[in-house]
Protein backbone atom coordinates (compact mmCIF):
# COMPACT_ATOMS: atom_id res chain seq x y z
CA MET A 1 -10.44 -10.68 -14.57
CA THR A 2 -13.28 -8.24 -14.96
CA ASP A 3 -13.02 -4.97 -16.86
CA THR A 4 -15.59 -3.48 -14.48
CA ALA A 5 -13.46 -4.07 -11.37
CA LEU A 6 -10.31 -2.89 -13.15
CA ALA A 7 -12.05 0.30 -14.30
CA ALA A 8 -13.30 0.95 -10.76
CA ILE A 9 -9.77 0.81 -9.32
CA GLU A 10 -8.23 2.81 -12.16
CA ALA A 11 -10.92 5.48 -11.66
CA GLY A 12 -9.70 5.96 -8.08
CA LEU A 13 -6.12 6.33 -9.27
CA ALA A 14 -7.20 8.72 -12.03
CA THR A 15 -8.90 10.92 -9.43
CA LEU A 16 -5.65 10.96 -7.46
CA ARG A 17 -3.62 11.87 -10.55
CA ASP A 18 -6.05 14.67 -11.35
CA ARG A 19 -5.53 16.08 -7.86
CA VAL A 20 -1.76 15.87 -7.52
CA GLY A 21 -0.23 14.83 -10.83
CA ASP A 22 1.06 11.66 -12.48
CA ALA A 23 4.04 11.31 -10.14
CA ALA A 24 1.65 10.31 -7.35
CA THR A 25 1.17 6.88 -8.96
CA ASN A 26 4.74 6.26 -10.21
CA GLY A 27 4.98 2.96 -8.36
CA VAL A 28 1.81 1.56 -9.91
CA HIS A 29 1.95 -0.04 -13.35
CA PRO A 30 0.22 2.21 -15.94
CA GLY A 31 -3.27 0.90 -16.49
CA LEU A 32 -2.78 -1.49 -13.53
CA LEU A 33 -3.18 -4.68 -15.57
CA VAL A 34 0.03 -6.41 -16.64
CA GLU A 35 -0.78 -8.34 -19.78
CA PRO A 36 0.52 -11.92 -20.04
CA ALA A 37 2.87 -10.98 -22.88
CA ASP A 38 4.46 -8.28 -20.68
CA ARG A 39 5.03 -10.30 -17.50
CA ASP A 40 8.69 -11.11 -18.01
CA GLY A 41 10.51 -9.80 -14.95
CA TRP A 42 7.35 -9.59 -12.86
CA THR A 43 7.00 -11.70 -9.72
CA PRO A 44 3.60 -12.93 -8.49
CA SER A 45 3.11 -11.60 -4.97
CA ALA A 46 2.16 -15.12 -3.91
CA ARG A 47 5.84 -16.03 -4.41
CA LEU A 48 6.68 -13.42 -1.80
CA THR A 49 4.03 -14.43 0.72
CA ASP A 50 5.12 -18.07 0.45
CA GLY A 51 8.75 -17.01 0.92
CA SER A 52 10.18 -18.46 -2.29
CA ARG A 53 11.23 -15.09 -3.75
CA VAL A 54 11.91 -13.20 -0.51
CA PRO A 55 15.71 -13.80 -0.55
CA GLU A 56 15.84 -12.29 -4.04
CA LEU A 57 13.79 -9.30 -2.87
CA ILE A 58 16.14 -8.69 0.06
CA ASP A 59 19.26 -9.09 -2.10
CA THR A 60 17.89 -6.63 -4.66
CA ALA A 61 17.13 -4.13 -1.91
CA LYS A 62 20.64 -4.56 -0.48
CA GLN A 63 22.08 -3.59 -3.86
CA ARG A 64 19.60 -0.75 -4.37
CA TRP A 65 20.35 0.96 -1.05
CA ARG A 66 23.85 -0.47 -0.37
CA ALA A 67 22.34 -1.58 2.92
CA GLN A 68 22.72 -4.37 5.43
CA ALA A 69 19.98 -6.99 5.36
CA PRO A 70 17.75 -5.55 8.14
CA ALA A 71 17.60 -2.07 6.61
CA ALA A 72 17.24 -3.50 3.10
CA ALA A 73 14.30 -5.64 4.15
CA ALA A 74 12.67 -2.75 6.02
CA LEU A 75 13.01 -0.37 3.07
CA ALA A 76 11.83 -2.96 0.55
CA TRP A 77 8.80 -3.56 2.77
CA LYS A 78 8.16 0.18 3.16
CA SER A 79 8.16 0.66 -0.62
CA TYR A 80 6.09 -2.44 -1.34
CA SER A 81 3.46 -1.83 1.32
CA TYR A 82 3.02 1.81 0.27
CA TRP A 83 2.55 1.16 -3.44
CA LEU A 84 0.31 -1.81 -2.70
CA ALA A 85 -1.89 0.25 -0.37
CA LEU A 86 -2.08 3.33 -2.60
CA PRO A 87 -4.63 1.96 -5.12
CA ALA A 88 -6.78 0.76 -2.22
CA MET A 89 -6.72 4.12 -0.46
CA ALA A 90 -7.28 6.12 -3.65
CA THR A 91 -10.27 3.96 -4.58
CA TYR A 92 -11.70 4.01 -1.06
CA VAL A 93 -11.43 7.79 -0.75
CA ALA A 94 -12.80 8.45 -4.23
CA ALA A 95 -15.76 6.05 -4.22
CA ARG A 96 -15.90 3.93 -1.04
CA ARG A 97 -14.74 0.88 -2.98
CA ILE A 98 -12.00 -1.52 -1.88
CA PRO A 99 -9.69 -3.27 -4.35
CA LEU A 100 -9.18 -6.87 -3.21
CA LEU A 101 -5.40 -7.09 -3.44
CA ARG A 102 -4.95 -10.82 -2.91
CA PRO A 103 -1.40 -12.16 -3.41
CA ASP A 104 -2.51 -14.38 -6.31
CA ASP A 105 -3.85 -11.31 -8.14
CA VAL A 106 -0.89 -8.94 -7.66
CA LEU A 107 2.43 -8.74 -9.50
CA VAL A 108 5.58 -6.85 -8.47
CA ASN A 109 8.61 -5.81 -10.49
CA TYR A 110 11.64 -4.74 -8.41
CA HIS A 111 15.07 -3.40 -9.39
CA ASP A 112 18.44 -2.57 -7.88
CA ARG A 113 17.97 1.05 -8.96
CA GLN A 114 15.46 3.87 -8.59
CA PRO A 115 12.52 3.34 -8.67
CA PHE A 116 12.83 0.22 -6.55
CA LEU A 117 9.57 -1.39 -7.58
CA HIS A 118 6.23 -1.24 -9.35
CA VAL A 119 3.07 -3.13 -8.53
CA GLY A 120 0.48 -4.30 -11.04
CA LEU A 121 -2.41 -6.73 -11.33
CA ARG A 122 -2.94 -10.09 -13.00
CA ARG A 123 -6.69 -9.71 -12.44
CA ALA A 124 -8.88 -7.22 -10.61
CA ALA A 125 -11.58 -7.60 -7.99
CA VAL A 126 -13.32 -4.95 -5.91
CA ALA A 127 -15.65 -4.84 -2.91
CA VAL A 128 -18.55 -2.38 -3.05
CA LEU A 129 -21.49 -1.32 -0.90
CA PRO A 130 -25.10 -2.26 -1.77
CA SER A 131 -25.76 1.37 -2.74
CA ASP A 132 -22.92 1.38 -5.28
CA PRO A 133 -24.01 1.37 -8.96
CA LEU A 134 -21.69 -1.60 -9.52
CA ALA A 135 -23.65 -3.67 -6.99
CA ALA A 136 -26.60 -4.18 -9.33
CA ALA A 137 -24.50 -5.49 -12.21
CA ALA A 138 -23.67 -8.91 -10.69
CA THR A 139 -20.37 -8.74 -12.58
CA PRO A 140 -17.60 -11.25 -11.85
CA GLY A 141 -14.92 -9.55 -9.79
CA VAL A 142 -17.40 -7.27 -7.99
CA GLU A 143 -18.11 -8.39 -4.41
CA VAL A 144 -21.05 -6.71 -2.65
CA VAL A 145 -20.66 -6.33 1.12
CA ARG A 146 -23.39 -5.35 3.54
CA ASP A 147 -22.06 -2.09 5.01
CA GLU A 148 -19.05 0.15 5.66
CA ALA A 149 -17.74 -2.10 8.43
CA ALA A 150 -17.78 -5.09 6.08
CA LEU A 151 -16.05 -3.00 3.42
CA LEU A 152 -13.21 -2.20 5.80
CA ALA A 153 -13.12 -5.82 6.93
CA ALA A 154 -12.58 -6.81 3.29
CA LEU A 155 -9.66 -4.38 3.19
CA ARG A 156 -8.08 -5.93 6.26
CA ARG A 157 -8.72 -9.48 5.10
CA THR A 158 -7.17 -9.08 1.65
CA LEU A 159 -4.53 -6.37 2.15
CA LEU A 160 -3.24 -7.26 5.60
CA ASP A 161 -4.30 -10.72 6.77
CA ALA A 162 -3.85 -12.58 3.46
CA HIS A 163 -1.08 -10.46 1.93
CA LEU A 164 1.11 -8.21 4.06
CA ASP A 165 1.03 -10.32 7.22
CA PRO A 166 2.40 -13.46 5.49
CA LEU A 167 5.10 -11.40 3.77
CA LEU A 168 5.99 -9.77 7.08
CA GLY A 169 6.40 -13.23 8.59
CA GLN A 170 8.71 -14.30 5.77
CA LEU A 171 10.89 -11.19 6.20
CA HIS A 172 10.95 -11.53 9.99
CA ALA A 173 12.09 -15.14 9.67
CA ARG A 174 15.13 -14.07 7.62
CA VAL A 175 16.27 -10.76 9.10
CA ARG A 176 16.21 -9.15 12.52
CA VAL A 177 13.46 -6.60 11.94
CA GLY A 178 10.55 -6.52 14.35
CA ARG A 179 6.88 -6.80 13.49
CA ARG A 180 6.11 -3.42 15.08
CA THR A 181 8.80 -1.72 12.98
CA LEU A 182 7.38 -3.16 9.76
CA LEU A 183 3.75 -2.47 10.65
CA GLY A 184 4.77 1.11 11.40
CA SER A 185 5.57 1.49 7.71
CA VAL A 186 2.13 0.13 6.81
CA ALA A 187 0.51 2.66 9.14
CA SER A 188 2.50 5.61 7.81
CA GLY A 189 2.07 4.49 4.19
CA VAL A 190 -1.69 4.24 4.56
CA ALA A 191 -1.82 7.63 6.28
CA TYR A 192 0.29 9.27 3.57
CA ALA A 193 -1.87 7.70 0.85
CA VAL A 194 -5.06 9.00 2.49
CA ARG A 195 -3.54 12.45 2.92
CA LEU A 196 -2.54 12.49 -0.73
CA ALA A 197 -5.97 11.31 -1.89
CA LEU A 198 -7.63 14.02 0.22
CA LEU A 199 -5.25 16.82 -0.69
CA GLY A 200 -7.07 20.10 -0.21
CA ALA A 201 -9.65 18.67 2.19
CA ALA A 202 -10.08 19.96 5.72
CA PRO A 203 -7.44 18.48 8.03
CA GLN A 204 -10.06 16.87 10.27
CA GLU A 205 -11.58 15.01 7.32
CA THR A 206 -8.16 13.62 6.45
CA ILE A 207 -7.48 12.66 10.07
CA ASP A 208 -10.88 11.03 10.53
CA THR A 209 -10.61 9.03 7.28
CA ALA A 210 -7.08 7.90 8.01
CA ARG A 211 -7.96 6.89 11.56
CA THR A 212 -10.96 4.90 10.34
CA VAL A 213 -8.78 2.89 7.97
CA LEU A 214 -5.86 2.54 10.39
CA THR A 215 -8.21 1.32 13.12
CA ALA A 216 -9.71 -1.26 10.76
CA LEU A 217 -6.19 -2.50 9.99
CA GLY A 218 -5.22 -2.56 13.67
CA VAL A 219 -2.28 -0.15 13.28
CA ALA A 220 -3.73 3.16 14.50
CA ASP A 221 -1.34 3.25 17.47
CA LEU A 222 1.73 3.37 15.20
CA VAL A 223 1.27 6.92 13.86
CA ASP A 224 0.12 10.26 15.21
CA LEU A 225 -1.91 12.52 12.91
CA VAL A 226 -1.60 16.18 13.84
CA PRO A 227 -3.21 19.21 12.15
CA THR A 228 -0.70 21.98 11.46
CA SER A 229 -1.05 25.75 11.51
CA SER A 230 -0.83 25.76 7.70
CA GLY A 231 -3.94 23.61 7.34
CA GLN A 232 -2.09 20.38 6.60
CA VAL A 233 -1.83 17.08 8.47
CA HIS A 234 1.53 16.03 9.87
CA ILE A 235 2.13 12.28 10.02
CA GLN A 236 4.42 11.33 12.89
CA ARG A 237 5.70 7.76 12.98
CA ARG A 238 6.22 5.90 16.25
CA THR A 239 8.67 3.46 14.64
CA CYS A 240 11.65 3.93 12.34
CA CYS A 241 12.06 2.50 8.82
CA LEU A 242 15.87 2.19 9.43
CA ALA A 243 16.81 4.59 6.63
CA PHE A 244 19.13 6.33 9.13
CA THR A 245 21.40 3.25 9.01
CA LEU A 246 22.20 3.62 5.30
CA PRO A 247 25.72 4.59 4.12
CA GLU A 248 24.14 7.97 3.32
CA PRO A 249 21.80 8.26 6.32
CA LYS A 250 18.30 9.59 5.75
CA ILE A 251 15.93 10.90 8.40
CA CYS A 252 12.38 10.98 7.03
CA SER A 253 10.14 13.98 7.75
CA GLY A 254 7.86 11.98 10.02
CA CYS A 255 10.54 9.80 11.63
CA CYS A 256 10.30 9.08 15.35
CA LEU A 257 13.97 10.12 15.61
CA ARG A 258 12.86 13.70 15.01
CA ALA A 259 10.26 13.60 17.77
């Protein structure tokens, strides 16, 4: 693990906290790094992507939301994918750097109460552009990519292809929740994280940035981004996270059921 890569990711989160307050990063472990002595109760994300801890995750979510398995899995996924993506989006928006959130490097701690989970790191790695000051350091954990397209490709490769996609497959194999439904939560979570990181920016800048990332991840068709008369950006989902099926039904602000 490199202190340089860790500092680069934490700097992106610090910028976000400066903009909107500490609550914006409540689902991310303070300082990001979970020290070996503090890892009791934490699950390596690789144990989720290989399926070995997925039944436990679903059972914990069922208790947390008093939900049936499909809704529990969908809400656990929604929470996990959002808090996993947030450090990546905050770092990308702040400095055009991409944390490499490989399953072997990520830890998650989930509970049958609020908050449902936190994510943290065992070790940090980050992709940067050749023009980035970190590129000249040749520091372990810092990967230099050739251009912006390669930077976004690193995001897709590590966040989606190697991490969220395998977990999605494990959930889909156990409960009747479709791939499109689950990827809709990735799309909305990424869009919300970009909007939060760009709070106060012109709506078109937020929309353009979010669309760039969503297109790179292949999920741009799952949300609509609409500027509002108040100068904000409304995020409209095209799929539902199933929160409306809970014993106390919830309809999210951007839910397709409102459309």
